[in-house]
Amino acid sequence: MYVRDHMSPDPIVVAPDDTLRKAHQLIKDHGLRRFPVVEEGRLVGIVTDRDVRQADISSAILQERRYVDYILDRIQVGGIMTSNPITVGPGTSIRKAAGLILENKIGGLPVVDDGRLVGIITETDLIKALITMLDG
């Protein structure tokens, strides 16, 4: 079993210069927990709902709620993302992808082929693969 068989192709992405407001809205609208950050078709990072929450509830915002809109429109994804995330290729085994997720305590891995983002594989995708195997 390979990543290509269980990944989510064409994930929703953000750009490094997108604002915290946009990331926050994507989380709300799509219920997703992570977004690859892409610049000119190349993966440059990953941003999670946790990254967004931590930026959103910074001490400055907690002390001065009147600055919320200002902050949401000024903080860019590039400033809160994890650069150079761990990735896998479409031909990576499900076992290897699961091991990387477990070992690194992360919720998902961007899937990259020849430097281009082609998908994402998450804990949920791996659980679905496990169910498929058990039902086999």
C-alpha atoms as a PDB file:
ATOM      1  CA  MET A   1       0.000   0.000   0.000  1.00  0.00           C
ATOM      2  CA  TYR A   2       1.319   3.361  -1.016  1.00  0.00           C
ATOM      3  CA  VAL A   3       0.690   6.974  -0.107  1.00  0.00           C
ATOM      4  CA  ARG A   4      -0.672   7.677  -3.616  1.00  0.00           C
ATOM      5  CA  ASP A   5      -3.518   5.227  -2.950  1.00  0.00           C
ATOM      6  CA  HIS A   6      -4.704   6.936   0.252  1.00  0.00           C
ATOM      7  CA  MET A   7      -3.632  10.589   0.117  1.00  0.00           C
ATOM      8  CA  SER A   8      -5.992  13.495  -0.396  1.00  0.00           C
ATOM      9  CA  PRO A   9      -5.004  14.891  -3.816  1.00  0.00           C
ATOM     10  CA  ASP A  10      -5.023  18.598  -4.603  1.00  0.00           C
ATOM     11  CA  PRO A  11      -5.277  19.876  -1.014  1.00  0.00           C
ATOM     12  CA  ILE A  12      -6.434  23.370  -0.169  1.00  0.00           C
ATOM     13  CA  VAL A  13      -3.314  25.521   0.091  1.00  0.00           C
ATOM     14  CA  VAL A  14      -2.285  28.965   1.261  1.00  0.00           C
ATOM     15  CA  ALA A  15       0.519  31.258   0.168  1.00  0.00           C
ATOM     16  CA  PRO A  16       3.174  32.730   2.485  1.00  0.00           C
ATOM     17  CA  ASP A  17       1.744  36.221   1.990  1.00  0.00           C
ATOM     18  CA  ASP A  18      -1.840  35.188   2.809  1.00  0.00           C
ATOM     19  CA  THR A  19      -3.065  36.676   6.072  1.00  0.00           C
ATOM     20  CA  LEU A  20      -3.916  35.050   9.353  1.00  0.00           C
ATOM     21  CA  ARG A  21      -7.522  36.043   8.634  1.00  0.00           C
ATOM     22  CA  LYS A  22      -7.545  33.931   5.445  1.00  0.00           C
ATOM     23  CA  ALA A  23      -6.064  30.911   7.229  1.00  0.00           C
ATOM     24  CA  HIS A  24      -8.569  31.309  10.050  1.00  0.00           C
ATOM     25  CA  GLN A  25     -11.446  31.479   7.551  1.00  0.00           C
ATOM     26  CA  LEU A  26     -10.239  28.366   5.676  1.00  0.00           C
ATOM     27  CA  ILE A  27     -10.132  26.415   8.939  1.00  0.00           C
ATOM     28  CA  LYS A  28     -13.659  27.573   9.746  1.00  0.00           C
ATOM     29  CA  ASP A  29     -15.055  26.946   6.255  1.00  0.00           C
ATOM     30  CA  HIS A  30     -13.434  23.566   5.566  1.00  0.00           C
ATOM     31  CA  GLY A  31     -12.847  22.093   9.027  1.00  0.00           C
ATOM     32  CA  LEU A  32      -9.290  21.177   8.113  1.00  0.00           C
ATOM     33  CA  ARG A  33      -6.391  21.172  10.547  1.00  0.00           C
ATOM     34  CA  ARG A  34      -3.443  21.822   8.253  1.00  0.00           C
ATOM     35  CA  PHE A  35      -2.711  23.581   5.006  1.00  0.00           C
ATOM     36  CA  PRO A  36       0.375  23.256   2.843  1.00  0.00           C
ATOM     37  CA  VAL A  37       1.970  26.622   2.102  1.00  0.00           C
ATOM     38  CA  VAL A  38       2.821  26.901  -1.578  1.00  0.00           C
ATOM     39  CA  GLU A  39       4.719  29.559  -3.498  1.00  0.00           C
ATOM     40  CA  GLU A  40       4.891  29.366  -7.293  1.00  0.00           C
ATOM     41  CA  GLY A  41       3.774  25.738  -7.190  1.00  0.00           C
ATOM     42  CA  ARG A  42       6.450  24.671  -4.724  1.00  0.00           C
ATOM     43  CA  LEU A  43       5.878  23.608  -1.149  1.00  0.00           C
ATOM     44  CA  VAL A  44       7.560  26.041   1.247  1.00  0.00           C
ATOM     45  CA  GLY A  45       5.870  25.157   4.532  1.00  0.00           C
ATOM     46  CA  ILE A  46       2.839  23.958   6.391  1.00  0.00           C
ATOM     47  CA  VAL A  47       0.518  25.845   8.719  1.00  0.00           C
ATOM     48  CA  THR A  48      -1.766  24.154  11.219  1.00  0.00           C
ATOM     49  CA  ASP A  49      -4.850  25.195  13.101  1.00  0.00           C
ATOM     50  CA  ARG A  50      -2.652  25.247  16.203  1.00  0.00           C
ATOM     51  CA  ASP A  51      -0.258  27.739  14.580  1.00  0.00           C
ATOM     52  CA  VAL A  52      -3.233  29.948  13.724  1.00  0.00           C
ATOM     53  CA  ARG A  53      -4.731  29.681  17.227  1.00  0.00           C
ATOM     54  CA  GLN A  54      -1.415  30.513  18.869  1.00  0.00           C
ATOM     55  CA  ALA A  55      -0.955  33.593  16.696  1.00  0.00           C
ATOM     56  CA  ASP A  56      -4.601  34.534  17.185  1.00  0.00           C
ATOM     57  CA  ILE A  57      -4.434  34.432  20.982  1.00  0.00           C
ATOM     58  CA  SER A  58      -1.111  36.145  21.457  1.00  0.00           C
ATOM     59  CA  SER A  59      -0.785  38.255  24.567  1.00  0.00           C
ATOM     60  CA  ALA A  60      -1.159  41.462  22.541  1.00  0.00           C
ATOM     61  CA  ILE A  61      -4.560  40.357  21.280  1.00  0.00           C
ATOM     62  CA  LEU A  62      -5.715  39.183  24.692  1.00  0.00           C
ATOM     63  CA  GLN A  63      -4.823  42.512  26.264  1.00  0.00           C
ATOM     64  CA  GLU A  64      -6.202  44.734  23.512  1.00  0.00           C
ATOM     65  CA  ARG A  65      -9.189  43.213  21.701  1.00  0.00           C
ATOM     66  CA  ARG A  66      -9.467  46.357  19.596  1.00  0.00           C
ATOM     67  CA  TYR A  67      -6.362  45.239  17.707  1.00  0.00           C
ATOM     68  CA  VAL A  68      -7.856  41.909  16.589  1.00  0.00           C
ATOM     69  CA  ASP A  69      -8.756  43.052  13.081  1.00  0.00           C
ATOM     70  CA  TYR A  70      -5.435  44.809  12.703  1.00  0.00           C
ATOM     71  CA  ILE A  71      -3.530  41.656  13.714  1.00  0.00           C
ATOM     72  CA  LEU A  72      -5.653  39.308  11.576  1.00  0.00           C
ATOM     73  CA  ASP A  73      -5.002  41.443   8.516  1.00  0.00           C
ATOM     74  CA  ARG A  74      -1.267  42.013   9.147  1.00  0.00           C
ATOM     75  CA  ILE A  75       0.159  38.657  10.265  1.00  0.00           C
ATOM     76  CA  GLN A  76       1.101  36.584   7.252  1.00  0.00           C
ATOM     77  CA  VAL A  77       1.099  32.810   7.021  1.00  0.00           C
ATOM     78  CA  GLY A  78       4.809  32.897   6.203  1.00  0.00           C
ATOM     79  CA  GLY A  79       5.491  34.233   9.687  1.00  0.00           C
ATOM     80  CA  ILE A  80       3.719  31.416  11.527  1.00  0.00           C
ATOM     81  CA  MET A  81       4.235  28.400   9.257  1.00  0.00           C
ATOM     82  CA  THR A  82       6.692  25.573   9.737  1.00  0.00           C
ATOM     83  CA  SER A  83       9.247  25.904   6.948  1.00  0.00           C
ATOM     84  CA  ASN A  84      10.630  22.862   5.147  1.00  0.00           C
ATOM     85  CA  PRO A  85       8.122  20.370   6.553  1.00  0.00           C
ATOM     86  CA  ILE A  86       8.725  16.642   6.498  1.00  0.00           C
ATOM     87  CA  THR A  87       7.316  15.272   3.252  1.00  0.00           C
ATOM     88  CA  VAL A  88       6.761  11.977   1.486  1.00  0.00           C
ATOM     89  CA  GLY A  89       6.452  11.006  -2.144  1.00  0.00           C
ATOM     90  CA  PRO A  90       3.455   9.284  -3.726  1.00  0.00           C
ATOM     91  CA  GLY A  91       5.444   6.038  -3.880  1.00  0.00           C
ATOM     92  CA  THR A  92       6.239   6.028  -0.162  1.00  0.00           C
ATOM     93  CA  SER A  93       4.753   3.075   1.701  1.00  0.00           C
ATOM     94  CA  ILE A  94       1.851   3.686   4.065  1.00  0.00           C
ATOM     95  CA  ARG A  95       3.948   2.059   6.802  1.00  0.00           C
ATOM     96  CA  LYS A  96       6.763   4.587   6.293  1.00  0.00           C
ATOM     97  CA  ALA A  97       4.327   7.545   6.251  1.00  0.00           C
ATOM     98  CA  ALA A  98       2.650   6.314   9.432  1.00  0.00           C
ATOM     99  CA  GLY A  99       6.053   5.894  11.077  1.00  0.00           C
ATOM    100  CA  LEU A 100       7.047   9.467  10.207  1.00  0.00           C
ATOM    101  CA  ILE A 101       3.783  10.846  11.579  1.00  0.00           C
ATOM    102  CA  LEU A 102       4.143   8.849  14.795  1.00  0.00           C
ATOM    103  CA  GLU A 103       7.855   9.539  15.261  1.00  0.00           C
ATOM    104  CA  ASN A 104       7.518  13.279  14.667  1.00  0.00           C
ATOM    105  CA  LYS A 105       4.194  13.674  16.492  1.00  0.00           C
ATOM    106  CA  ILE A 106       2.534  15.429  13.574  1.00  0.00           C
ATOM    107  CA  GLY A 107      -0.913  15.081  12.051  1.00  0.00           C
ATOM    108  CA  GLY A 108      -0.083  14.884   8.375  1.00  0.00           C
ATOM    109  CA  LEU A 109       2.514  14.984   5.651  1.00  0.00           C
ATOM    110  CA  PRO A 110       2.530  16.921   2.405  1.00  0.00           C
ATOM    111  CA  VAL A 111       3.010  14.622  -0.580  1.00  0.00           C
ATOM    112  CA  VAL A 112       5.552  16.009  -3.040  1.00  0.00           C
ATOM    113  CA  ASP A 113       6.534  14.722  -6.466  1.00  0.00           C
ATOM    114  CA  ASP A 114       9.509  16.355  -8.198  1.00  0.00           C
ATOM    115  CA  GLY A 115       9.255  19.364  -5.880  1.00  0.00           C
ATOM    116  CA  ARG A 116       5.545  19.916  -6.572  1.00  0.00           C
ATOM    117  CA  LEU A 117       2.770  19.396  -4.053  1.00  0.00           C
ATOM    118  CA  VAL A 118       0.464  16.615  -5.257  1.00  0.00           C
ATOM    119  CA  GLY A 119      -1.449  15.808  -2.070  1.00  0.00           C
ATOM    120  CA  ILE A 120      -1.459  15.395   1.667  1.00  0.00           C
ATOM    121  CA  ILE A 121      -1.739  12.287   3.805  1.00  0.00           C
ATOM    122  CA  THR A 122      -3.135  12.667   7.305  1.00  0.00           C
ATOM    123  CA  GLU A 123      -3.830  10.543  10.344  1.00  0.00           C
ATOM    124  CA  THR A 124      -7.412  10.256   9.131  1.00  0.00           C
ATOM    125  CA  ASP A 125      -6.249   8.913   5.758  1.00  0.00           C
ATOM    126  CA  LEU A 126      -4.079   6.352   7.541  1.00  0.00           C
ATOM    127  CA  ILE A 127      -6.964   5.202   9.735  1.00  0.00           C
ATOM    128  CA  LYS A 128      -9.110   4.776   6.618  1.00  0.00           C
ATOM    129  CA  ALA A 129      -6.282   2.701   5.056  1.00  0.00           C
ATOM    130  CA  LEU A 130      -6.153   0.554   8.194  1.00  0.00           C
ATOM    131  CA  ILE A 131      -9.908  -0.042   8.038  1.00  0.00           C
ATOM    132  CA  THR A 132      -9.577  -1.036   4.370  1.00  0.00           C
ATOM    133  CA  MET A 133      -6.807  -3.482   5.266  1.00  0.00           C
ATOM    134  CA  LEU A 134      -8.805  -4.982   8.129  1.00  0.00           C
ATOM    135  CA  ASP A 135     -11.902  -5.337   5.977  1.00  0.00           C
ATOM    136  CA  GLY A 136      -9.697  -6.784   3.194  1.00  0.00           C
END
